[in-house]
PDB file of N, CA and C in Angstrom:
ATOM      1  N   UNK A   1     -24.855  15.479  11.178  1.00  0.00           N
ATOM      2  CA  UNK A   1     -25.208  15.691  12.641  1.00  0.00           C
ATOM      3  C   UNK A   1     -23.841  15.264  13.568  1.00  0.00           C
ATOM      4  N   UNK A   2     -23.160  14.283  13.093  1.00  0.00           N
ATOM      5  CA  UNK A   2     -21.965  13.951  13.852  1.00  0.00           C
ATOM      6  C   UNK A   2     -21.007  15.117  13.764  1.00  0.00           C
ATOM      7  N   UNK A   3     -20.927  15.662  12.540  1.00  0.00           N
ATOM      8  CA  UNK A   3     -19.941  16.781  12.463  1.00  0.00           C
ATOM      9  C   UNK A   3     -20.315  17.975  13.223  1.00  0.00           C
ATOM     10  N   UNK A   4     -21.607  18.232  13.477  1.00  0.00           N
ATOM     11  CA  UNK A   4     -22.047  19.357  14.326  1.00  0.00           C
ATOM     12  C   UNK A   4     -21.649  18.992  15.801  1.00  0.00           C
ATOM     13  N   UNK A   5     -21.874  17.816  16.135  1.00  0.00           N
ATOM     14  CA  UNK A   5     -21.400  17.345  17.496  1.00  0.00           C
ATOM     15  C   UNK A   5     -19.955  17.685  17.792  1.00  0.00           C
ATOM     16  N   UNK A   6     -19.175  17.183  16.766  1.00  0.00           N
ATOM     17  CA  UNK A   6     -17.638  17.552  16.875  1.00  0.00           C
ATOM     18  C   UNK A   6     -17.391  18.939  16.946  1.00  0.00           C
ATOM     19  N   UNK A   7     -18.037  19.721  16.209  1.00  0.00           N
ATOM     20  CA  UNK A   7     -17.868  21.188  16.136  1.00  0.00           C
ATOM     21  C   UNK A   7     -18.157  21.820  17.543  1.00  0.00           C
ATOM     22  N   UNK A   8     -19.208  21.270  18.076  1.00  0.00           N
ATOM     23  CA  UNK A   8     -19.702  21.875  19.398  1.00  0.00           C
ATOM     24  C   UNK A   8     -18.635  21.354  20.572  1.00  0.00           C
ATOM     25  N   UNK A   9     -18.211  20.110  20.331  1.00  0.00           N
ATOM     26  CA  UNK A   9     -17.254  19.493  21.246  1.00  0.00           C
ATOM     27  C   UNK A   9     -15.850  20.375  21.192  1.00  0.00           C
ATOM     28  N   UNK A  10     -15.416  20.482  19.965  1.00  0.00           N
ATOM     29  CA  UNK A  10     -14.201  21.311  19.776  1.00  0.00           C
ATOM     30  C   UNK A  10     -14.410  22.772  19.964  1.00  0.00           C
ATOM     31  N   UNK A  11     -15.543  23.310  19.693  1.00  0.00           N
ATOM     32  CA  UNK A  11     -15.790  24.725  20.043  1.00  0.00           C
ATOM     33  C   UNK A  11     -15.328  25.563  18.799  1.00  0.00           C
ATOM     34  N   UNK A  12     -15.002  25.015  17.672  1.00  0.00           N
ATOM     35  CA  UNK A  12     -14.519  25.663  16.536  1.00  0.00           C
ATOM     36  C   UNK A  12     -14.802  24.920  15.281  1.00  0.00           C
ATOM     37  N   UNK A  13     -14.677  25.626  14.149  1.00  0.00           N
ATOM     38  CA  UNK A  13     -14.950  24.955  12.903  1.00  0.00           C
ATOM     39  C   UNK A  13     -13.621  24.316  12.548  1.00  0.00           C
ATOM     40  N   UNK A  14     -13.796  23.133  11.681  1.00  0.00           N
ATOM     41  CA  UNK A  14     -12.561  22.434  11.319  1.00  0.00           C
ATOM     42  C   UNK A  14     -11.581  23.350  10.492  1.00  0.00           C
ATOM     43  N   UNK A  15     -10.303  23.064  10.585  1.00  0.00           N
ATOM     44  CA  UNK A  15      -9.331  23.899   9.874  1.00  0.00           C
ATOM     45  C   UNK A  15      -9.210  23.355   8.466  1.00  0.00           C
ATOM     46  N   UNK A  16      -9.247  24.333   7.454  1.00  0.00           N
ATOM     47  CA  UNK A  16      -9.125  24.098   6.036  1.00  0.00           C
ATOM     48  C   UNK A  16      -7.528  24.168   5.787  1.00  0.00           C
ATOM     49  N   UNK A  17      -7.031  23.135   5.026  1.00  0.00           N
ATOM     50  CA  UNK A  17      -5.799  23.170   4.751  1.00  0.00           C
ATOM     51  C   UNK A  17      -5.488  23.454   3.189  1.00  0.00           C
ATOM     52  N   UNK A  18      -4.422  23.934   2.835  1.00  0.00           N
ATOM     53  CA  UNK A  18      -4.027  24.234   1.389  1.00  0.00           C
ATOM     54  C   UNK A  18      -3.523  22.968   0.908  1.00  0.00           C
ATOM     55  N   UNK A  19      -3.922  22.569  -0.364  1.00  0.00           N
ATOM     56  CA  UNK A  19      -3.334  21.349  -1.045  1.00  0.00           C
ATOM     57  C   UNK A  19      -1.829  21.614  -1.317  1.00  0.00           C
ATOM     58  N   UNK A  20      -1.021  20.423  -1.293  1.00  0.00           N
ATOM     59  CA  UNK A  20       0.348  20.533  -1.537  1.00  0.00           C
ATOM     60  C   UNK A  20       0.631  20.899  -2.979  1.00  0.00           C
ATOM     61  N   UNK A  21      -0.195  20.150  -3.902  1.00  0.00           N
ATOM     62  CA  UNK A  21      -0.129  20.362  -5.340  1.00  0.00           C
ATOM     63  C   UNK A  21      -1.428  20.652  -5.826  1.00  0.00           C
ATOM     64  N   UNK A  22      -1.572  21.409  -6.972  1.00  0.00           N
ATOM     65  CA  UNK A  22      -2.856  21.604  -7.617  1.00  0.00           C
ATOM     66  C   UNK A  22      -3.310  20.300  -8.283  1.00  0.00           C
ATOM     67  N   UNK A  23      -4.694  20.318  -8.567  1.00  0.00           N
ATOM     68  CA  UNK A  23      -5.326  19.190  -8.974  1.00  0.00           C
ATOM     69  C   UNK A  23      -4.816  18.729 -10.374  1.00  0.00           C
ATOM     70  N   UNK A  24      -4.367  19.599 -11.296  1.00  0.00           N
ATOM     71  CA  UNK A  24      -3.939  19.262 -12.587  1.00  0.00           C
ATOM     72  C   UNK A  24      -2.569  18.497 -12.475  1.00  0.00           C
ATOM     73  N   UNK A  25      -1.679  18.953 -11.629  1.00  0.00           N
ATOM     74  CA  UNK A  25      -0.307  18.400 -11.418  1.00  0.00           C
ATOM     75  C   UNK A  25      -0.540  17.039 -10.715  1.00  0.00           C
ATOM     76  N   UNK A  26      -1.516  16.970  -9.881  1.00  0.00           N
ATOM     77  CA  UNK A  26      -1.761  15.633  -9.215  1.00  0.00           C
ATOM     78  C   UNK A  26      -2.257  14.659 -10.178  1.00  0.00           C
ATOM     79  N   UNK A  27      -3.200  15.033 -11.054  1.00  0.00           N
ATOM     80  CA  UNK A  27      -3.723  14.048 -11.987  1.00  0.00           C
ATOM     81  C   UNK A  27      -2.626  13.499 -12.972  1.00  0.00           C
ATOM     82  N   UNK A  28      -1.719  14.494 -13.393  1.00  0.00           N
ATOM     83  CA  UNK A  28      -0.623  14.125 -14.267  1.00  0.00           C
ATOM     84  C   UNK A  28       0.300  13.121 -13.592  1.00  0.00           C
ATOM     85  N   UNK A  29       0.656  13.455 -12.331  1.00  0.00           N
ATOM     86  CA  UNK A  29       1.540  12.625 -11.620  1.00  0.00           C
ATOM     87  C   UNK A  29       0.848  11.214 -11.428  1.00  0.00           C
ATOM     88  N   UNK A  30      -0.363  11.165 -11.027  1.00  0.00           N
ATOM     89  CA  UNK A  30      -1.037  10.039 -10.773  1.00  0.00           C
ATOM     90  C   UNK A  30      -1.048   9.121 -12.040  1.00  0.00           C
ATOM     91  N   UNK A  31      -1.319   9.785 -13.199  1.00  0.00           N
ATOM     92  CA  UNK A  31      -1.425   8.930 -14.453  1.00  0.00           C
ATOM     93  C   UNK A  31      -0.155   8.377 -14.872  1.00  0.00           C
ATOM     94  N   UNK A  32       0.987   9.113 -14.580  1.00  0.00           N
ATOM     95  CA  UNK A  32       2.337   8.628 -14.875  1.00  0.00           C
ATOM     96  C   UNK A  32       2.729   7.539 -13.939  1.00  0.00           C
ATOM     97  N   UNK A  33       2.410   7.651 -12.708  1.00  0.00           N
ATOM     98  CA  UNK A  33       2.660   6.581 -11.785  1.00  0.00           C
ATOM     99  C   UNK A  33       1.889   5.324 -12.113  1.00  0.00           C
ATOM    100  N   UNK A  34       0.668   5.372 -12.508  1.00  0.00           N
ATOM    101  CA  UNK A  34      -0.172   4.311 -12.831  1.00  0.00           C
ATOM    102  C   UNK A  34       0.354   3.490 -14.067  1.00  0.00           C
ATOM    103  N   UNK A  35       0.766   4.352 -15.074  1.00  0.00           N
ATOM    104  CA  UNK A  35       1.317   3.800 -16.258  1.00  0.00           C
ATOM    105  C   UNK A  35       2.628   2.898 -15.918  1.00  0.00           C
ATOM    106  N   UNK A  36       3.416   3.499 -15.077  1.00  0.00           N
ATOM    107  CA  UNK A  36       4.685   2.883 -14.741  1.00  0.00           C
ATOM    108  C   UNK A  36       4.426   1.597 -13.842  1.00  0.00           C
ATOM    109  N   UNK A  37       3.323   1.688 -12.962  1.00  0.00           N
ATOM    110  CA  UNK A  37       3.047   0.604 -11.958  1.00  0.00           C
ATOM    111  C   UNK A  37       2.612  -0.611 -12.761  1.00  0.00           C
ATOM    112  N   UNK A  38       1.717  -0.398 -13.778  1.00  0.00           N
ATOM    113  CA  UNK A  38       1.131  -1.394 -14.412  1.00  0.00           C
ATOM    114  C   UNK A  38       1.911  -1.966 -15.823  1.00  0.00           C
ATOM    115  N   UNK A  39       3.029  -1.446 -15.870  1.00  0.00           N
ATOM    116  CA  UNK A  39       3.982  -1.977 -16.872  1.00  0.00           C
ATOM    117  C   UNK A  39       4.385  -3.337 -16.631  1.00  0.00           C
ATOM    118  N   UNK A  40       4.506  -4.273 -17.637  1.00  0.00           N
ATOM    119  CA  UNK A  40       5.055  -5.602 -17.317  1.00  0.00           C
ATOM    120  C   UNK A  40       6.484  -5.341 -16.683  1.00  0.00           C
ATOM    121  N   UNK A  41       6.852  -6.321 -15.707  1.00  0.00           N
ATOM    122  CA  UNK A  41       8.146  -6.166 -15.044  1.00  0.00           C
ATOM    123  C   UNK A  41       9.335  -6.028 -15.987  1.00  0.00           C
ATOM    124  N   UNK A  42       9.211  -6.672 -17.126  1.00  0.00           N
ATOM    125  CA  UNK A  42      10.443  -6.678 -18.029  1.00  0.00           C
ATOM    126  C   UNK A  42      10.606  -5.328 -18.724  1.00  0.00           C
ATOM    127  N   UNK A  43       9.486  -4.553 -18.763  1.00  0.00           N
ATOM    128  CA  UNK A  43       9.530  -3.275 -19.441  1.00  0.00           C
ATOM    129  C   UNK A  43       9.763  -2.109 -18.479  1.00  0.00           C
ATOM    130  N   UNK A  44       9.366  -2.244 -17.182  1.00  0.00           N
ATOM    131  CA  UNK A  44       9.398  -1.203 -16.313  1.00  0.00           C
ATOM    132  C   UNK A  44      10.705  -0.660 -16.020  1.00  0.00           C
ATOM    133  N   UNK A  45      10.889   0.584 -15.987  1.00  0.00           N
ATOM    134  CA  UNK A  45      12.215   1.304 -15.768  1.00  0.00           C
ATOM    135  C   UNK A  45      12.393   1.549 -14.323  1.00  0.00           C
ATOM    136  N   UNK A  46      11.465   1.250 -13.455  1.00  0.00           N
ATOM    137  CA  UNK A  46      11.455   1.463 -12.095  1.00  0.00           C
ATOM    138  C   UNK A  46      12.439   0.513 -11.329  1.00  0.00           C
ATOM    139  N   UNK A  47      12.741  -0.711 -12.057  1.00  0.00           N
ATOM    140  CA  UNK A  47      13.494  -1.668 -11.221  1.00  0.00           C
ATOM    141  C   UNK A  47      14.639  -2.094 -12.112  1.00  0.00           C
ATOM    142  N   UNK A  48      15.737  -2.397 -11.367  1.00  0.00           N
ATOM    143  CA  UNK A  48      16.835  -3.091 -12.104  1.00  0.00           C
ATOM    144  C   UNK A  48      16.444  -4.578 -12.445  1.00  0.00           C
ATOM    145  N   UNK A  49      17.106  -5.262 -13.255  1.00  0.00           N
ATOM    146  CA  UNK A  49      16.720  -6.680 -13.669  1.00  0.00           C
ATOM    147  C   UNK A  49      16.549  -7.543 -12.461  1.00  0.00           C
ATOM    148  N   UNK A  50      17.529  -7.438 -11.608  1.00  0.00           N
ATOM    149  CA  UNK A  50      17.602  -8.320 -10.366  1.00  0.00           C
ATOM    150  C   UNK A  50      16.398  -7.943  -9.444  1.00  0.00           C
ATOM    151  N   UNK A  51      16.081  -6.771  -9.386  1.00  0.00           N
ATOM    152  CA  UNK A  51      14.883  -6.335  -8.598  1.00  0.00           C
ATOM    153  C   UNK A  51      13.537  -6.785  -9.240  1.00  0.00           C
ATOM    154  N   UNK A  52      13.564  -6.736 -10.506  1.00  0.00           N
ATOM    155  CA  UNK A  52      12.361  -7.123 -11.205  1.00  0.00           C
ATOM    156  C   UNK A  52      12.067  -8.714 -11.099  1.00  0.00           C
ATOM    157  N   UNK A  53      13.119  -9.447 -10.981  1.00  0.00           N
ATOM    158  CA  UNK A  53      13.023 -10.930 -10.703  1.00  0.00           C
ATOM    159  C   UNK A  53      12.534 -11.097  -9.176  1.00  0.00           C
ATOM    160  N   UNK A  54      13.019 -10.305  -8.343  1.00  0.00           N
ATOM    161  CA  UNK A  54      12.538 -10.443  -6.917  1.00  0.00           C
ATOM    162  C   UNK A  54      11.086 -10.062  -6.810  1.00  0.00           C
ATOM    163  N   UNK A  55      10.612  -8.984  -7.433  1.00  0.00           N
ATOM    164  CA  UNK A  55       9.271  -8.560  -7.352  1.00  0.00           C
ATOM    165  C   UNK A  55       8.347  -9.629  -8.070  1.00  0.00           C
ATOM    166  N   UNK A  56       8.866 -10.183  -9.072  1.00  0.00           N
ATOM    167  CA  UNK A  56       8.064 -11.261  -9.766  1.00  0.00           C
ATOM    168  C   UNK A  56       7.850 -12.407  -8.915  1.00  0.00           C
ATOM    169  N   UNK A  57       8.949 -12.836  -8.273  1.00  0.00           N
ATOM    170  CA  UNK A  57       8.767 -14.106  -7.306  1.00  0.00           C
ATOM    171  C   UNK A  57       7.969 -13.832  -6.175  1.00  0.00           C
ATOM    172  N   UNK A  58       8.025 -12.500  -5.554  1.00  0.00           N
ATOM    173  CA  UNK A  58       7.049 -12.227  -4.411  1.00  0.00           C
ATOM    174  C   UNK A  58       5.678 -12.176  -4.828  1.00  0.00           C
ATOM    175  N   UNK A  59       5.333 -11.628  -6.013  1.00  0.00           N
ATOM    176  CA  UNK A  59       4.007 -11.502  -6.600  1.00  0.00           C
ATOM    177  C   UNK A  59       3.464 -12.993  -6.816  1.00  0.00           C
ATOM    178  N   UNK A  60       4.292 -13.824  -7.356  1.00  0.00           N
ATOM    179  CA  UNK A  60       3.892 -15.223  -7.624  1.00  0.00           C
ATOM    180  C   UNK A  60       3.530 -15.943  -6.391  1.00  0.00           C
ATOM    181  N   UNK A  61       4.439 -15.857  -5.348  1.00  0.00           N
ATOM    182  CA  UNK A  61       4.252 -16.546  -4.030  1.00  0.00           C
ATOM    183  C   UNK A  61       3.047 -15.904  -3.296  1.00  0.00           C
ATOM    184  N   UNK A  62       2.851 -14.566  -3.309  1.00  0.00           N
ATOM    185  CA  UNK A  62       1.733 -13.868  -2.738  1.00  0.00           C
ATOM    186  C   UNK A  62       0.447 -14.404  -3.437  1.00  0.00           C
ATOM    187  N   UNK A  63       0.418 -14.487  -4.729  1.00  0.00           N
ATOM    188  CA  UNK A  63      -0.697 -14.991  -5.426  1.00  0.00           C
ATOM    189  C   UNK A  63      -1.126 -16.380  -4.934  1.00  0.00           C
ATOM    190  N   UNK A  64      -0.133 -17.191  -4.749  1.00  0.00           N
ATOM    191  CA  UNK A  64      -0.349 -18.573  -4.328  1.00  0.00           C
ATOM    192  C   UNK A  64      -0.957 -18.678  -3.008  1.00  0.00           C
ATOM    193  N   UNK A  65      -0.218 -17.857  -1.991  1.00  0.00           N
ATOM    194  CA  UNK A  65      -0.888 -17.887  -0.655  1.00  0.00           C
ATOM    195  C   UNK A  65      -2.175 -17.166  -0.443  1.00  0.00           C
ATOM    196  N   UNK A  66      -2.477 -16.264  -1.493  1.00  0.00           N
ATOM    197  CA  UNK A  66      -3.805 -15.486  -1.294  1.00  0.00           C
ATOM    198  C   UNK A  66      -4.946 -16.137  -2.035  1.00  0.00           C
ATOM    199  N   UNK A  67      -4.879 -17.477  -2.261  1.00  0.00           N
ATOM    200  CA  UNK A  67      -6.085 -18.231  -2.912  1.00  0.00           C
ATOM    201  C   UNK A  67      -7.326 -18.052  -2.110  1.00  0.00           C
ATOM    202  N   UNK A  68      -7.155 -18.199  -0.773  1.00  0.00           N
ATOM    203  CA  UNK A  68      -8.316 -18.022   0.111  1.00  0.00           C
ATOM    204  C   UNK A  68      -7.861 -17.659   1.474  1.00  0.00           C
ATOM    205  N   UNK A  69      -8.900 -17.507   2.346  1.00  0.00           N
ATOM    206  CA  UNK A  69      -8.560 -17.090   3.746  1.00  0.00           C
ATOM    207  C   UNK A  69      -7.632 -18.181   4.453  1.00  0.00           C
ATOM    208  N   UNK A  70      -7.881 -19.437   4.214  1.00  0.00           N
ATOM    209  CA  UNK A  70      -7.132 -20.408   4.956  1.00  0.00           C
ATOM    210  C   UNK A  70      -5.629 -20.383   4.527  1.00  0.00           C
ATOM    211  N   UNK A  71      -5.390 -20.331   3.287  1.00  0.00           N
ATOM    212  CA  UNK A  71      -3.937 -20.358   2.762  1.00  0.00           C
ATOM    213  C   UNK A  71      -3.306 -19.016   3.207  1.00  0.00           C
ATOM    214  N   UNK A  72      -4.119 -17.804   3.211  1.00  0.00           N
ATOM    215  CA  UNK A  72      -3.532 -16.608   3.623  1.00  0.00           C
ATOM    216  C   UNK A  72      -3.178 -16.633   5.166  1.00  0.00           C
ATOM    217  N   UNK A  73      -4.024 -17.274   6.002  1.00  0.00           N
ATOM    218  CA  UNK A  73      -3.779 -17.269   7.385  1.00  0.00           C
ATOM    219  C   UNK A  73      -2.492 -18.148   7.648  1.00  0.00           C
ATOM    220  N   UNK A  74      -2.501 -19.296   6.821  1.00  0.00           N
ATOM    221  CA  UNK A  74      -1.284 -20.136   6.966  1.00  0.00           C
ATOM    222  C   UNK A  74       0.013 -19.384   6.682  1.00  0.00           C
ATOM    223  N   UNK A  75      -0.086 -18.465   5.723  1.00  0.00           N
ATOM    224  CA  UNK A  75       1.216 -17.679   5.346  1.00  0.00           C
ATOM    225  C   UNK A  75       1.486 -16.754   6.467  1.00  0.00           C
ATOM    226  N   UNK A  76       0.408 -16.026   7.123  1.00  0.00           N
ATOM    227  CA  UNK A  76       0.623 -15.197   8.266  1.00  0.00           C
ATOM    228  C   UNK A  76       1.338 -15.982   9.453  1.00  0.00           C
ATOM    229  N   UNK A  77       0.850 -17.125   9.635  1.00  0.00           N
ATOM    230  CA  UNK A  77       1.342 -17.938  10.805  1.00  0.00           C
ATOM    231  C   UNK A  77       2.786 -18.329  10.627  1.00  0.00           C
ATOM    232  N   UNK A  78       3.107 -18.767   9.351  1.00  0.00           N
ATOM    233  CA  UNK A  78       4.360 -19.167   9.000  1.00  0.00           C
ATOM    234  C   UNK A  78       5.364 -17.968   9.114  1.00  0.00           C
ATOM    235  N   UNK A  79       4.980 -16.924   8.597  1.00  0.00           N
ATOM    236  CA  UNK A  79       5.828 -15.746   8.774  1.00  0.00           C
ATOM    237  C   UNK A  79       6.159 -15.342  10.267  1.00  0.00           C
ATOM    238  N   UNK A  80       4.988 -15.411  11.055  1.00  0.00           N
ATOM    239  CA  UNK A  80       5.042 -15.072  12.379  1.00  0.00           C
ATOM    240  C   UNK A  80       6.128 -16.037  13.170  1.00  0.00           C
ATOM    241  N   UNK A  81       5.963 -17.316  12.838  1.00  0.00           N
ATOM    242  CA  UNK A  81       6.852 -18.441  13.354  1.00  0.00           C
ATOM    243  C   UNK A  81       8.325 -18.080  12.973  1.00  0.00           C
ATOM    244  N   UNK A  82       8.527 -17.788  11.723  1.00  0.00           N
ATOM    245  CA  UNK A  82       9.930 -17.499  11.320  1.00  0.00           C
ATOM    246  C   UNK A  82      10.506 -16.318  11.941  1.00  0.00           C
ATOM    247  N   UNK A  83       9.700 -15.453  12.346  1.00  0.00           N
ATOM    248  CA  UNK A  83      10.146 -14.097  12.744  1.00  0.00           C
ATOM    249  C   UNK A  83       9.756 -13.627  14.103  1.00  0.00           C
ATOM    250  N   UNK A  84       9.544 -14.628  14.982  1.00  0.00           N
ATOM    251  CA  UNK A  84       8.964 -14.337  16.314  1.00  0.00           C
ATOM    252  C   UNK A  84      10.008 -13.504  17.072  1.00  0.00           C
ATOM    253  N   UNK A  85      11.261 -13.756  16.919  1.00  0.00           N
ATOM    254  CA  UNK A  85      12.280 -12.970  17.810  1.00  0.00           C
ATOM    255  C   UNK A  85      12.375 -11.496  17.290  1.00  0.00           C
ATOM    256  N   UNK A  86      12.286 -11.192  16.012  1.00  0.00           N
ATOM    257  CA  UNK A  86      12.316  -9.764  15.489  1.00  0.00           C
ATOM    258  C   UNK A  86      11.012  -9.121  15.704  1.00  0.00           C
ATOM    259  N   UNK A  87       9.952  -9.816  15.727  1.00  0.00           N
ATOM    260  CA  UNK A  87       8.505  -9.141  15.990  1.00  0.00           C
ATOM    261  C   UNK A  87       8.324  -8.791  17.474  1.00  0.00           C
ATOM    262  N   UNK A  88       8.757  -9.761  18.291  1.00  0.00           N
ATOM    263  CA  UNK A  88       8.699  -9.459  19.794  1.00  0.00           C
ATOM    264  C   UNK A  88       7.234  -9.688  20.159  1.00  0.00           C
ATOM    265  N   UNK A  89       7.016  -9.738  21.472  1.00  0.00           N
ATOM    266  CA  UNK A  89       5.664  -9.912  22.123  1.00  0.00           C
ATOM    267  C   UNK A  89       4.895  -8.585  21.864  1.00  0.00           C
ATOM    268  N   UNK A  90       3.568  -8.942  21.899  1.00  0.00           N
ATOM    269  CA  UNK A  90       2.775  -7.736  21.679  1.00  0.00           C
ATOM    270  C   UNK A  90       2.306  -7.226  22.980  1.00  0.00           C
TER     271      UNK A  90
END
């Protein structure tokens, strides 16, 4: 019903777009990326050793701050307080 309202409002049918890649190539790419993404950091070829250490420390700290809504909110507030000048007023 909503789509009919939008069609009446726009006065034309929605435009169909051609996919960028076919479904088979998409599925292959997706599976390769998922395999790489879920590799242990020390096995992944996507990062240099120094980058792997940084990613590991970020994930560890994020997991600690994401325990619950209160700790997550504290993390957001601390980030905002540290970066007020670069963030600027809203």
